[in-house]
Amino acid sequence: MPKESENAKAVAQEVIQTVRKGQKVIKGEIIRKHGYSQSVSERPSKVTDTQSYKDEIEPFLEGLIKERERILKALKTKDLSKVQYEGLVRSLDLATKNIQLLSGGATERVAGIEITFKK
């Protein structure tokens, strides 16, 4: 297996470990740490779009999706206490964000606002 494939797998494994620890995933830093150049670390998709990375992430991502479905099912029950409900909602939010992060989806919504100054 080429070195690039091994590096992409190592990046994926560290991303998974970081998610499991509940820490913030900064893909550029992780990519740089695994031997990629600064220019590649500034464009994480150059690594995350590789088949090696995707093959490593996919099983973990599938597990997160199943867990999110389990949380949604639990939320549909009618006898949840406030504490149970709040915990499930937090878990749902975290699972959804991690799924978006790992699948390449948007993890935040950034709105552009144009500001003009009069002279």
PDB file of N, CA and C in Angstrom:
ATOM      1  N   MET A   1       0.852  -1.176   0.000  1.00  0.00           N
ATOM      2  CA  MET A   1       0.000   0.000   0.000  1.00  0.00           C
ATOM      3  C   MET A   1       0.900   1.242   0.000  1.00  0.00           C
ATOM      4  N   PRO A   2       0.622   2.217  -0.856  1.00  0.00           N
ATOM      5  CA  PRO A   2       1.448   3.424  -0.916  1.00  0.00           C
ATOM      6  C   PRO A   2       1.434   4.183   0.420  1.00  0.00           C
ATOM      7  N   LYS A   3       2.493   4.943   0.653  1.00  0.00           N
ATOM      8  CA  LYS A   3       2.622   5.702   1.895  1.00  0.00           C
ATOM      9  C   LYS A   3       1.459   6.676   2.079  1.00  0.00           C
ATOM     10  N   GLU A   4       1.014   7.301   0.995  1.00  0.00           N
ATOM     11  CA  GLU A   4      -0.102   8.250   1.089  1.00  0.00           C
ATOM     12  C   GLU A   4      -1.352   7.564   1.633  1.00  0.00           C
ATOM     13  N   SER A   5      -1.581   6.310   1.205  1.00  0.00           N
ATOM     14  CA  SER A   5      -2.745   5.575   1.691  1.00  0.00           C
ATOM     15  C   SER A   5      -2.621   5.299   3.183  1.00  0.00           C
ATOM     16  N   GLU A   6      -1.415   4.928   3.615  1.00  0.00           N
ATOM     17  CA  GLU A   6      -1.171   4.672   5.038  1.00  0.00           C
ATOM     18  C   GLU A   6      -1.352   5.950   5.841  1.00  0.00           C
ATOM     19  N   ASN A   7      -0.869   7.062   5.310  1.00  0.00           N
ATOM     20  CA  ASN A   7      -1.013   8.346   5.999  1.00  0.00           C
ATOM     21  C   ASN A   7      -2.486   8.737   6.113  1.00  0.00           C
ATOM     22  N   ALA A   8      -3.248   8.542   5.056  1.00  0.00           N
ATOM     23  CA  ALA A   8      -4.679   8.869   5.076  1.00  0.00           C
ATOM     24  C   ALA A   8      -5.412   8.005   6.099  1.00  0.00           C
ATOM     25  N   LYS A   9      -5.048   6.732   6.178  1.00  0.00           N
ATOM     26  CA  LYS A   9      -5.650   5.840   7.175  1.00  0.00           C
ATOM     27  C   LYS A   9      -5.308   6.302   8.588  1.00  0.00           C
ATOM     28  N   ALA A  10      -4.057   6.715   8.786  1.00  0.00           N
ATOM     29  CA  ALA A  10      -3.635   7.194  10.105  1.00  0.00           C
ATOM     30  C   ALA A  10      -4.397   8.460  10.498  1.00  0.00           C
ATOM     31  N   VAL A  11      -4.621   9.337   9.531  1.00  0.00           N
ATOM     32  CA  VAL A  11      -5.407  10.550   9.786  1.00  0.00           C
ATOM     33  C   VAL A  11      -6.821  10.155  10.206  1.00  0.00           C
ATOM     34  N   ALA A  12      -7.430   9.242   9.483  1.00  0.00           N
ATOM     35  CA  ALA A  12      -8.792   8.800   9.797  1.00  0.00           C
ATOM     36  C   ALA A  12      -8.855   8.191  11.197  1.00  0.00           C
ATOM     37  N   GLN A  13      -7.877   7.374  11.536  1.00  0.00           N
ATOM     38  CA  GLN A  13      -7.863   6.747  12.854  1.00  0.00           C
ATOM     39  C   GLN A  13      -7.751   7.790  13.963  1.00  0.00           C
ATOM     40  N   GLU A  14      -6.933   8.820  13.742  1.00  0.00           N
ATOM     41  CA  GLU A  14      -6.815   9.866  14.763  1.00  0.00           C
ATOM     42  C   GLU A  14      -8.086  10.706  14.844  1.00  0.00           C
ATOM     43  N   VAL A  15      -8.720  10.950  13.719  1.00  0.00           N
ATOM     44  CA  VAL A  15      -9.991  11.676  13.737  1.00  0.00           C
ATOM     45  C   VAL A  15     -11.013  10.891  14.563  1.00  0.00           C
ATOM     46  N   ILE A  16     -11.087   9.595  14.357  1.00  0.00           N
ATOM     47  CA  ILE A  16     -12.022   8.743  15.106  1.00  0.00           C
ATOM     48  C   ILE A  16     -11.704   8.797  16.601  1.00  0.00           C
ATOM     49  N   GLN A  17     -10.436   8.669  16.953  1.00  0.00           N
ATOM     50  CA  GLN A  17     -10.041   8.718  18.363  1.00  0.00           C
ATOM     51  C   GLN A  17     -10.408  10.061  18.995  1.00  0.00           C
ATOM     52  N   THR A  18     -10.219  11.132  18.261  1.00  0.00           N
ATOM     53  CA  THR A  18     -10.531  12.464  18.767  1.00  0.00           C
ATOM     54  C   THR A  18     -12.032  12.612  18.992  1.00  0.00           C
ATOM     55  N   VAL A  19     -12.836  12.103  18.071  1.00  0.00           N
ATOM     56  CA  VAL A  19     -14.291  12.139  18.227  1.00  0.00           C
ATOM     57  C   VAL A  19     -14.702  11.314  19.442  1.00  0.00           C
ATOM     58  N   ARG A  20     -14.130  10.134  19.595  1.00  0.00           N
ATOM     59  CA  ARG A  20     -14.466   9.269  20.736  1.00  0.00           C
ATOM     60  C   ARG A  20     -14.150   9.937  22.070  1.00  0.00           C
ATOM     61  N   LYS A  21     -13.101  10.735  22.106  1.00  0.00           N
ATOM     62  CA  LYS A  21     -12.713  11.431  23.338  1.00  0.00           C
ATOM     63  C   LYS A  21     -13.577  12.667  23.581  1.00  0.00           C
ATOM     64  N   GLY A  22     -14.394  13.031  22.610  1.00  0.00           N
ATOM     65  CA  GLY A  22     -15.238  14.209  22.738  1.00  0.00           C
ATOM     66  C   GLY A  22     -14.479  15.505  22.554  1.00  0.00           C
ATOM     67  N   GLN A  23     -13.333  15.419  21.908  1.00  0.00           N
ATOM     68  CA  GLN A  23     -12.519  16.603  21.677  1.00  0.00           C
ATOM     69  C   GLN A  23     -12.822  17.205  20.313  1.00  0.00           C
ATOM     70  N   LYS A  24     -12.434  18.451  20.163  1.00  0.00           N
ATOM     71  CA  LYS A  24     -12.641  19.151  18.899  1.00  0.00           C
ATOM     72  C   LYS A  24     -11.696  18.590  17.844  1.00  0.00           C
ATOM     73  N   VAL A  25     -12.235  18.271  16.686  1.00  0.00           N
ATOM     74  CA  VAL A  25     -11.451  17.731  15.578  1.00  0.00           C
ATOM     75  C   VAL A  25     -10.967  18.886  14.710  1.00  0.00           C
ATOM     76  N   ILE A  26      -9.651  19.041  14.642  1.00  0.00           N
ATOM     77  CA  ILE A  26      -9.055  20.044  13.760  1.00  0.00           C
ATOM     78  C   ILE A  26      -8.281  19.260  12.708  1.00  0.00           C
ATOM     79  N   LYS A  27      -8.967  18.989  11.613  1.00  0.00           N
ATOM     80  CA  LYS A  27      -8.405  18.109  10.591  1.00  0.00           C
ATOM     81  C   LYS A  27      -7.065  18.577  10.064  1.00  0.00           C
ATOM     82  N   GLY A  28      -6.900  19.877   9.838  1.00  0.00           N
ATOM     83  CA  GLY A  28      -5.645  20.393   9.313  1.00  0.00           C
ATOM     84  C   GLY A  28      -4.464  20.041  10.198  1.00  0.00           C
ATOM     85  N   GLU A  29      -4.639  20.172  11.516  1.00  0.00           N
ATOM     86  CA  GLU A  29      -3.566  19.833  12.456  1.00  0.00           C
ATOM     87  C   GLU A  29      -3.256  18.338  12.429  1.00  0.00           C
ATOM     88  N   ILE A  30      -4.296  17.536  12.389  1.00  0.00           N
ATOM     89  CA  ILE A  30      -4.106  16.085  12.360  1.00  0.00           C
ATOM     90  C   ILE A  30      -3.402  15.676  11.071  1.00  0.00           C
ATOM     91  N   ILE A  31      -3.802  16.256   9.975  1.00  0.00           N
ATOM     92  CA  ILE A  31      -3.197  15.942   8.675  1.00  0.00           C
ATOM     93  C   ILE A  31      -1.716  16.299   8.671  1.00  0.00           C
ATOM     94  N   ARG A  32      -1.394  17.467   9.174  1.00  0.00           N
ATOM     95  CA  ARG A  32       0.010  17.906   9.223  1.00  0.00           C
ATOM     96  C   ARG A  32       0.831  16.966  10.100  1.00  0.00           C
ATOM     97  N   LYS A  33       0.263  16.547  11.199  1.00  0.00           N
ATOM     98  CA  LYS A  33       0.941  15.652  12.140  1.00  0.00           C
ATOM     99  C   LYS A  33       1.312  14.310  11.498  1.00  0.00           C
ATOM    100  N   HIS A  34       0.570  13.913  10.474  1.00  0.00           N
ATOM    101  CA  HIS A  34       0.797  12.621   9.826  1.00  0.00           C
ATOM    102  C   HIS A  34       1.583  12.734   8.524  1.00  0.00           C
ATOM    103  N   GLY A  35       2.379  13.786   8.418  1.00  0.00           N
ATOM    104  CA  GLY A  35       3.348  13.859   7.340  1.00  0.00           C
ATOM    105  C   GLY A  35       2.946  14.594   6.083  1.00  0.00           C
ATOM    106  N   TYR A  36       1.779  15.184   6.077  1.00  0.00           N
ATOM    107  CA  TYR A  36       1.365  15.937   4.899  1.00  0.00           C
ATOM    108  C   TYR A  36       1.933  17.346   4.959  1.00  0.00           C
ATOM    109  N   SER A  37       2.030  17.981   3.817  1.00  0.00           N
ATOM    110  CA  SER A  37       2.562  19.339   3.732  1.00  0.00           C
ATOM    111  C   SER A  37       1.567  20.352   4.290  1.00  0.00           C
ATOM    112  N   GLN A  38       2.059  21.541   4.534  1.00  0.00           N
ATOM    113  CA  GLN A  38       1.214  22.631   5.020  1.00  0.00           C
ATOM    114  C   GLN A  38       0.088  22.921   4.035  1.00  0.00           C
ATOM    115  N   SER A  39       0.408  22.909   2.733  1.00  0.00           N
ATOM    116  CA  SER A  39      -0.621  23.218   1.728  1.00  0.00           C
ATOM    117  C   SER A  39      -1.739  22.173   1.722  1.00  0.00           C
ATOM    118  N   VAL A  40      -1.386  20.919   1.941  1.00  0.00           N
ATOM    119  CA  VAL A  40      -2.418  19.868   2.007  1.00  0.00           C
ATOM    120  C   VAL A  40      -3.232  20.032   3.291  1.00  0.00           C
ATOM    121  N   SER A  41      -2.571  20.369   4.390  1.00  0.00           N
ATOM    122  CA  SER A  41      -3.285  20.524   5.667  1.00  0.00           C
ATOM    123  C   SER A  41      -4.273  21.691   5.625  1.00  0.00           C
ATOM    124  N   GLU A  42      -4.037  22.638   4.725  1.00  0.00           N
ATOM    125  CA  GLU A  42      -4.960  23.765   4.585  1.00  0.00           C
ATOM    126  C   GLU A  42      -6.172  23.406   3.733  1.00  0.00           C
ATOM    127  N   ARG A  43      -6.122  22.273   3.069  1.00  0.00           N
ATOM    128  CA  ARG A  43      -7.248  21.762   2.277  1.00  0.00           C
ATOM    129  C   ARG A  43      -7.472  20.300   2.665  1.00  0.00           C
ATOM    130  N   PRO A  44      -8.099  20.067   3.835  1.00  0.00           N
ATOM    131  CA  PRO A  44      -8.280  18.709   4.345  1.00  0.00           C
ATOM    132  C   PRO A  44      -8.973  17.752   3.370  1.00  0.00           C
ATOM    133  N   SER A  45      -9.778  18.289   2.462  1.00  0.00           N
ATOM    134  CA  SER A  45     -10.482  17.406   1.518  1.00  0.00           C
ATOM    135  C   SER A  45      -9.521  16.629   0.623  1.00  0.00           C
ATOM    136  N   LYS A  46      -8.296  17.122   0.463  1.00  0.00           N
ATOM    137  CA  LYS A  46      -7.308  16.382  -0.326  1.00  0.00           C
ATOM    138  C   LYS A  46      -6.996  15.040   0.323  1.00  0.00           C
ATOM    139  N   VAL A  47      -7.179  14.953   1.627  1.00  0.00           N
ATOM    140  CA  VAL A  47      -6.981  13.695   2.347  1.00  0.00           C
ATOM    141  C   VAL A  47      -8.323  12.998   2.582  1.00  0.00           C
ATOM    142  N   THR A  48      -9.319  13.761   3.037  1.00  0.00           N
ATOM    143  CA  THR A  48     -10.598  13.144   3.398  1.00  0.00           C
ATOM    144  C   THR A  48     -11.382  12.625   2.194  1.00  0.00           C
ATOM    145  N   ASP A  49     -11.037  13.059   1.011  1.00  0.00           N
ATOM    146  CA  ASP A  49     -11.697  12.542  -0.194  1.00  0.00           C
ATOM    147  C   ASP A  49     -11.020  11.292  -0.748  1.00  0.00           C
ATOM    148  N   THR A  50      -9.928  10.846  -0.123  1.00  0.00           N
ATOM    149  CA  THR A  50      -9.243   9.649  -0.621  1.00  0.00           C
ATOM    150  C   THR A  50     -10.006   8.396  -0.208  1.00  0.00           C
ATOM    151  N   GLN A  51      -9.875   7.360  -0.990  1.00  0.00           N
ATOM    152  CA  GLN A  51     -10.565   6.113  -0.688  1.00  0.00           C
ATOM    153  C   GLN A  51     -10.044   5.486   0.602  1.00  0.00           C
ATOM    154  N   SER A  52      -8.753   5.617   0.866  1.00  0.00           N
ATOM    155  CA  SER A  52      -8.174   5.054   2.097  1.00  0.00           C
ATOM    156  C   SER A  52      -8.805   5.686   3.335  1.00  0.00           C
ATOM    157  N   TYR A  53      -8.960   6.995   3.317  1.00  0.00           N
ATOM    158  CA  TYR A  53      -9.583   7.700   4.437  1.00  0.00           C
ATOM    159  C   TYR A  53     -11.039   7.259   4.595  1.00  0.00           C
ATOM    160  N   LYS A  54     -11.764   7.251   3.492  1.00  0.00           N
ATOM    161  CA  LYS A  54     -13.178   6.881   3.526  1.00  0.00           C
ATOM    162  C   LYS A  54     -13.384   5.455   4.021  1.00  0.00           C
ATOM    163  N   ASP A  55     -12.518   4.534   3.584  1.00  0.00           N
ATOM    164  CA  ASP A  55     -12.630   3.136   4.017  1.00  0.00           C
ATOM    165  C   ASP A  55     -12.452   2.993   5.526  1.00  0.00           C
ATOM    166  N   GLU A  56     -11.618   3.839   6.085  1.00  0.00           N
ATOM    167  CA  GLU A  56     -11.348   3.788   7.522  1.00  0.00           C
ATOM    168  C   GLU A  56     -12.479   4.434   8.324  1.00  0.00           C
ATOM    169  N   ILE A  57     -13.036   5.512   7.820  1.00  0.00           N
ATOM    170  CA  ILE A  57     -14.072   6.281   8.522  1.00  0.00           C
ATOM    171  C   ILE A  57     -15.446   5.605   8.442  1.00  0.00           C
ATOM    172  N   GLU A  58     -15.731   4.959   7.318  1.00  0.00           N
ATOM    173  CA  GLU A  58     -17.085   4.449   7.038  1.00  0.00           C
ATOM    174  C   GLU A  58     -17.687   3.579   8.157  1.00  0.00           C
ATOM    175  N   PRO A  59     -16.983   2.577   8.685  1.00  0.00           N
ATOM    176  CA  PRO A  59     -17.609   1.758   9.739  1.00  0.00           C
ATOM    177  C   PRO A  59     -17.975   2.578  10.985  1.00  0.00           C
ATOM    178  N   PHE A  60     -17.116   3.493  11.369  1.00  0.00           N
ATOM    179  CA  PHE A  60     -17.398   4.343  12.525  1.00  0.00           C
ATOM    180  C   PHE A  60     -18.595   5.246  12.243  1.00  0.00           C
ATOM    181  N   LEU A  61     -18.643   5.801  11.053  1.00  0.00           N
ATOM    182  CA  LEU A  61     -19.748   6.669  10.649  1.00  0.00           C
ATOM    183  C   LEU A  61     -21.068   5.903  10.658  1.00  0.00           C
ATOM    184  N   GLU A  62     -21.064   4.693  10.156  1.00  0.00           N
ATOM    185  CA  GLU A  62     -22.279   3.869  10.161  1.00  0.00           C
ATOM    186  C   GLU A  62     -22.761   3.619  11.590  1.00  0.00           C
ATOM    187  N   GLY A  63     -21.814   3.392  12.505  1.00  0.00           N
ATOM    188  CA  GLY A  63     -22.177   3.204  13.916  1.00  0.00           C
ATOM    189  C   GLY A  63     -22.807   4.448  14.511  1.00  0.00           C
ATOM    190  N   LEU A  64     -22.272   5.612  14.176  1.00  0.00           N
ATOM    191  CA  LEU A  64     -22.846   6.874  14.657  1.00  0.00           C
ATOM    192  C   LEU A  64     -24.267   7.076  14.128  1.00  0.00           C
ATOM    193  N   ILE A  65     -24.460   6.732  12.877  1.00  0.00           N
ATOM    194  CA  ILE A  65     -25.807   6.877  12.291  1.00  0.00           C
ATOM    195  C   ILE A  65     -26.798   5.962  13.004  1.00  0.00           C
ATOM    196  N   LYS A  66     -26.393   4.741  13.311  1.00  0.00           N
ATOM    197  CA  LYS A  66     -27.268   3.812  14.051  1.00  0.00           C
ATOM    198  C   LYS A  66     -27.564   4.353  15.447  1.00  0.00           C
ATOM    199  N   GLU A  67     -26.547   4.914  16.092  1.00  0.00           N
ATOM    200  CA  GLU A  67     -26.741   5.476  17.426  1.00  0.00           C
ATOM    201  C   GLU A  67     -27.700   6.664  17.383  1.00  0.00           C
ATOM    202  N   ARG A  68     -27.574   7.493  16.357  1.00  0.00           N
ATOM    203  CA  ARG A  68     -28.498   8.626  16.220  1.00  0.00           C
ATOM    204  C   ARG A  68     -29.932   8.126  16.047  1.00  0.00           C
ATOM    205  N   GLU A  69     -30.116   7.075  15.272  1.00  0.00           N
ATOM    206  CA  GLU A  69     -31.455   6.502  15.091  1.00  0.00           C
ATOM    207  C   GLU A  69     -32.008   5.968  16.415  1.00  0.00           C
ATOM    208  N   ARG A  70     -31.140   5.373  17.222  1.00  0.00           N
ATOM    209  CA  ARG A  70     -31.554   4.852  18.527  1.00  0.00           C
ATOM    210  C   ARG A  70     -31.990   5.998  19.439  1.00  0.00           C
ATOM    211  N   ILE A  71     -31.265   7.117  19.394  1.00  0.00           N
ATOM    212  CA  ILE A  71     -31.615   8.287  20.195  1.00  0.00           C
ATOM    213  C   ILE A  71     -32.961   8.851  19.741  1.00  0.00           C
ATOM    214  N   LEU A  72     -33.151   8.957  18.431  1.00  0.00           N
ATOM    215  CA  LEU A  72     -34.424   9.468  17.907  1.00  0.00           C
ATOM    216  C   LEU A  72     -35.595   8.597  18.342  1.00  0.00           C
ATOM    217  N   LYS A  73     -35.387   7.298  18.320  1.00  0.00           N
ATOM    218  CA  LYS A  73     -36.429   6.367  18.751  1.00  0.00           C
ATOM    219  C   LYS A  73     -36.754   6.577  20.227  1.00  0.00           C
ATOM    220  N   ALA A  74     -35.733   6.765  21.055  1.00  0.00           N
ATOM    221  CA  ALA A  74     -35.947   6.998  22.479  1.00  0.00           C
ATOM    222  C   ALA A  74     -36.687   8.312  22.723  1.00  0.00           C
ATOM    223  N   LEU A  75     -36.417   9.322  21.920  1.00  0.00           N
ATOM    224  CA  LEU A  75     -37.092  10.616  22.069  1.00  0.00           C
ATOM    225  C   LEU A  75     -38.582  10.528  21.756  1.00  0.00           C
ATOM    226  N   LYS A  76     -38.968   9.545  20.969  1.00  0.00           N
ATOM    227  CA  LYS A  76     -40.376   9.408  20.590  1.00  0.00           C
ATOM    228  C   LYS A  76     -41.226   8.797  21.698  1.00  0.00           C
ATOM    229  N   THR A  77     -40.592   8.237  22.746  1.00  0.00           N
ATOM    230  CA  THR A  77     -41.366   7.676  23.851  1.00  0.00           C
ATOM    231  C   THR A  77     -42.040   8.819  24.586  1.00  0.00           C
ATOM    232  N   LYS A  78     -43.142   8.525  25.236  1.00  0.00           N
ATOM    233  CA  LYS A  78     -43.944   9.587  25.828  1.00  0.00           C
ATOM    234  C   LYS A  78     -43.631   9.865  27.298  1.00  0.00           C
ATOM    235  N   ASP A  79     -42.864   9.033  27.956  1.00  0.00           N
ATOM    236  CA  ASP A  79     -42.671   9.199  29.395  1.00  0.00           C
ATOM    237  C   ASP A  79     -41.234   9.569  29.789  1.00  0.00           C
ATOM    238  N   LEU A  80     -40.653  10.490  29.074  1.00  0.00           N
ATOM    239  CA  LEU A  80     -39.302  10.938  29.393  1.00  0.00           C
ATOM    240  C   LEU A  80     -39.346  12.033  30.454  1.00  0.00           C
ATOM    241  N   SER A  81     -38.433  11.939  31.412  1.00  0.00           N
ATOM    242  CA  SER A  81     -38.293  13.034  32.369  1.00  0.00           C
ATOM    243  C   SER A  81     -37.544  14.169  31.674  1.00  0.00           C
ATOM    244  N   LYS A  82     -37.537  15.336  32.302  1.00  0.00           N
ATOM    245  CA  LYS A  82     -36.840  16.483  31.716  1.00  0.00           C
ATOM    246  C   LYS A  82     -35.347  16.182  31.561  1.00  0.00           C
ATOM    247  N   VAL A  83     -34.761  15.534  32.554  1.00  0.00           N
ATOM    248  CA  VAL A  83     -33.336  15.203  32.520  1.00  0.00           C
ATOM    249  C   VAL A  83     -33.045  14.219  31.383  1.00  0.00           C
ATOM    250  N   GLN A  84     -33.882  13.196  31.248  1.00  0.00           N
ATOM    251  CA  GLN A  84     -33.691  12.230  30.165  1.00  0.00           C
ATOM    252  C   GLN A  84     -33.818  12.917  28.810  1.00  0.00           C
ATOM    253  N   TYR A  85     -34.810  13.772  28.677  1.00  0.00           N
ATOM    254  CA  TYR A  85     -35.031  14.474  27.421  1.00  0.00           C
ATOM    255  C   TYR A  85     -33.828  15.357  27.071  1.00  0.00           C
ATOM    256  N   GLU A  86     -33.352  16.143  28.038  1.00  0.00           N
ATOM    257  CA  GLU A  86     -32.219  17.039  27.792  1.00  0.00           C
ATOM    258  C   GLU A  86     -30.961  16.249  27.421  1.00  0.00           C
ATOM    259  N   GLY A  87     -30.726  15.135  28.092  1.00  0.00           N
ATOM    260  CA  GLY A  87     -29.567  14.292  27.785  1.00  0.00           C
ATOM    261  C   GLY A  87     -29.643  13.709  26.387  1.00  0.00           C
ATOM    262  N   LEU A  88     -30.828  13.255  26.008  1.00  0.00           N
ATOM    263  CA  LEU A  88     -31.008  12.692  24.671  1.00  0.00           C
ATOM    264  C   LEU A  88     -30.845  13.754  23.592  1.00  0.00           C
ATOM    265  N   VAL A  89     -31.358  14.938  23.842  1.00  0.00           N
ATOM    266  CA  VAL A  89     -31.236  16.023  22.858  1.00  0.00           C
ATOM    267  C   VAL A  89     -29.768  16.408  22.682  1.00  0.00           C
ATOM    268  N   ARG A  90     -29.017  16.501  23.793  1.00  0.00           N
ATOM    269  CA  ARG A  90     -27.584  16.791  23.697  1.00  0.00           C
ATOM    270  C   ARG A  90     -26.855  15.705  22.914  1.00  0.00           C
ATOM    271  N   SER A  91     -27.199  14.456  23.202  1.00  0.00           N
ATOM    272  CA  SER A  91     -26.575  13.332  22.497  1.00  0.00           C
ATOM    273  C   SER A  91     -26.916  13.353  21.015  1.00  0.00           C
ATOM    274  N   LEU A  92     -28.159  13.672  20.705  1.00  0.00           N
ATOM    275  CA  LEU A  92     -28.594  13.765  19.311  1.00  0.00           C
ATOM    276  C   LEU A  92     -27.826  14.866  18.586  1.00  0.00           C
ATOM    277  N   ASP A  93     -27.685  16.004  19.227  1.00  0.00           N
ATOM    278  CA  ASP A  93     -26.956  17.127  18.645  1.00  0.00           C
ATOM    279  C   ASP A  93     -25.500  16.745  18.377  1.00  0.00           C
ATOM    280  N   LEU A  94     -24.860  16.141  19.350  1.00  0.00           N
ATOM    281  CA  LEU A  94     -23.459  15.741  19.202  1.00  0.00           C
ATOM    282  C   LEU A  94     -23.294  14.681  18.115  1.00  0.00           C
ATOM    283  N   ALA A  95     -24.167  13.701  18.103  1.00  0.00           N
ATOM    284  CA  ALA A  95     -24.094  12.642  17.079  1.00  0.00           C
ATOM    285  C   ALA A  95     -24.280  13.233  15.691  1.00  0.00           C
ATOM    286  N   THR A  96     -25.231  14.138  15.546  1.00  0.00           N
ATOM    287  CA  THR A  96     -25.486  14.760  14.242  1.00  0.00           C
ATOM    288  C   THR A  96     -24.280  15.564  13.776  1.00  0.00           C
ATOM    289  N   LYS A  97     -23.695  16.347  14.669  1.00  0.00           N
ATOM    290  CA  LYS A  97     -22.519  17.137  14.293  1.00  0.00           C
ATOM    291  C   LYS A  97     -21.345  16.241  13.906  1.00  0.00           C
ATOM    292  N   ASN A  98     -21.141  15.158  14.645  1.00  0.00           N
ATOM    293  CA  ASN A  98     -20.051  14.245  14.311  1.00  0.00           C
ATOM    294  C   ASN A  98     -20.297  13.540  12.985  1.00  0.00           C
ATOM    295  N   ILE A  99     -21.537  13.196  12.710  1.00  0.00           N
ATOM    296  CA  ILE A  99     -21.872  12.579  11.422  1.00  0.00           C
ATOM    297  C   ILE A  99     -21.577  13.566  10.292  1.00  0.00           C
ATOM    298  N   GLN A 100     -21.961  14.815  10.476  1.00  0.00           N
ATOM    299  CA  GLN A 100     -21.689  15.836   9.461  1.00  0.00           C
ATOM    300  C   GLN A 100     -20.197  16.028   9.269  1.00  0.00           C
ATOM    301  N   LEU A 101     -19.458  16.068  10.367  1.00  0.00           N
ATOM    302  CA  LEU A 101     -18.006  16.241  10.304  1.00  0.00           C
ATOM    303  C   LEU A 101     -17.343  15.088   9.560  1.00  0.00           C
ATOM    304  N   LEU A 102     -17.705  13.875   9.906  1.00  0.00           N
ATOM    305  CA  LEU A 102     -17.057  12.703   9.328  1.00  0.00           C
ATOM    306  C   LEU A 102     -17.484  12.426   7.894  1.00  0.00           C
ATOM    307  N   SER A 103     -18.688  12.848   7.545  1.00  0.00           N
ATOM    308  CA  SER A 103     -19.168  12.586   6.188  1.00  0.00           C
ATOM    309  C   SER A 103     -18.870  13.739   5.232  1.00  0.00           C
ATOM    310  N   GLY A 104     -18.248  14.788   5.754  1.00  0.00           N
ATOM    311  CA  GLY A 104     -17.895  15.923   4.900  1.00  0.00           C
ATOM    312  C   GLY A 104     -18.977  16.974   4.791  1.00  0.00           C
ATOM    313  N   GLY A 105     -20.017  16.850   5.601  1.00  0.00           N
ATOM    314  CA  GLY A 105     -21.085  17.842   5.581  1.00  0.00           C
ATOM    315  C   GLY A 105     -20.702  19.085   6.359  1.00  0.00           C
ATOM    316  N   ALA A 106     -21.526  20.103   6.269  1.00  0.00           N
ATOM    317  CA  ALA A 106     -21.284  21.350   6.988  1.00  0.00           C
ATOM    318  C   ALA A 106     -21.525  21.131   8.470  1.00  0.00           C
ATOM    319  N   THR A 107     -20.619  21.634   9.307  1.00  0.00           N
ATOM    320  CA  THR A 107     -20.782  21.499  10.748  1.00  0.00           C
ATOM    321  C   THR A 107     -21.208  22.807  11.398  1.00  0.00           C
ATOM    322  N   GLU A 108     -21.272  23.854  10.615  1.00  0.00           N
ATOM    323  CA  GLU A 108     -21.766  25.120  11.120  1.00  0.00           C
ATOM    324  C   GLU A 108     -22.374  25.901   9.977  1.00  0.00           C
ATOM    325  N   ARG A 109     -23.209  26.841  10.357  1.00  0.00           N
ATOM    326  CA  ARG A 109     -23.840  27.679   9.355  1.00  0.00           C
ATOM    327  C   ARG A 109     -23.243  29.069   9.470  1.00  0.00           C
ATOM    328  N   VAL A 110     -22.597  29.483   8.424  1.00  0.00           N
ATOM    329  CA  VAL A 110     -21.958  30.789   8.434  1.00  0.00           C
ATOM    330  C   VAL A 110     -22.670  31.673   7.413  1.00  0.00           C
ATOM    331  N   ALA A 111     -23.233  32.756   7.893  1.00  0.00           N
ATOM    332  CA  ALA A 111     -23.942  33.665   7.006  1.00  0.00           C
ATOM    333  C   ALA A 111     -23.037  34.851   6.699  1.00  0.00           C
ATOM    334  N   GLY A 112     -22.982  35.201   5.450  1.00  0.00           N
ATOM    335  CA  GLY A 112     -22.183  36.360   5.051  1.00  0.00           C
ATOM    336  C   GLY A 112     -23.039  37.610   5.103  1.00  0.00           C
ATOM    337  N   ILE A 113     -22.515  38.620   5.741  1.00  0.00           N
ATOM    338  CA  ILE A 113     -23.235  39.888   5.832  1.00  0.00           C
ATOM    339  C   ILE A 113     -22.351  40.961   5.199  1.00  0.00           C
ATOM    340  N   GLU A 114     -22.919  41.675   4.263  1.00  0.00           N
ATOM    341  CA  GLU A 114     -22.165  42.729   3.595  1.00  0.00           C
ATOM    342  C   GLU A 114     -22.365  44.026   4.365  1.00  0.00           C
ATOM    343  N   ILE A 115     -21.243  44.650   4.710  1.00  0.00           N
ATOM    344  CA  ILE A 115     -21.298  45.914   5.435  1.00  0.00           C
ATOM    345  C   ILE A 115     -20.635  46.976   4.561  1.00  0.00           C
ATOM    346  N   THR A 116     -21.346  48.069   4.348  1.00  0.00           N
ATOM    347  CA  THR A 116     -20.779  49.166   3.574  1.00  0.00           C
ATOM    348  C   THR A 116     -20.703  50.407   4.469  1.00  0.00           C
ATOM    349  N   PHE A 117     -19.659  51.156   4.277  1.00  0.00           N
ATOM    350  CA  PHE A 117     -19.455  52.377   5.063  1.00  0.00           C
ATOM    351  C   PHE A 117     -19.601  53.578   4.129  1.00  0.00           C
ATOM    352  N   LYS A 118     -20.313  54.566   4.612  1.00  0.00           N
ATOM    353  CA  LYS A 118     -20.464  55.797   3.845  1.00  0.00           C
ATOM    354  C   LYS A 118     -19.310  56.715   4.169  1.00  0.00           C
ATOM    355  N   LYS A 119     -18.811  57.380   3.135  1.00  0.00           N
ATOM    356  CA  LYS A 119     -17.703  58.330   3.333  1.00  0.00           C
ATOM    357  C   LYS A 119     -18.228  59.728   3.497  1.00  0.00           C
TER     358      LYS A 119
END
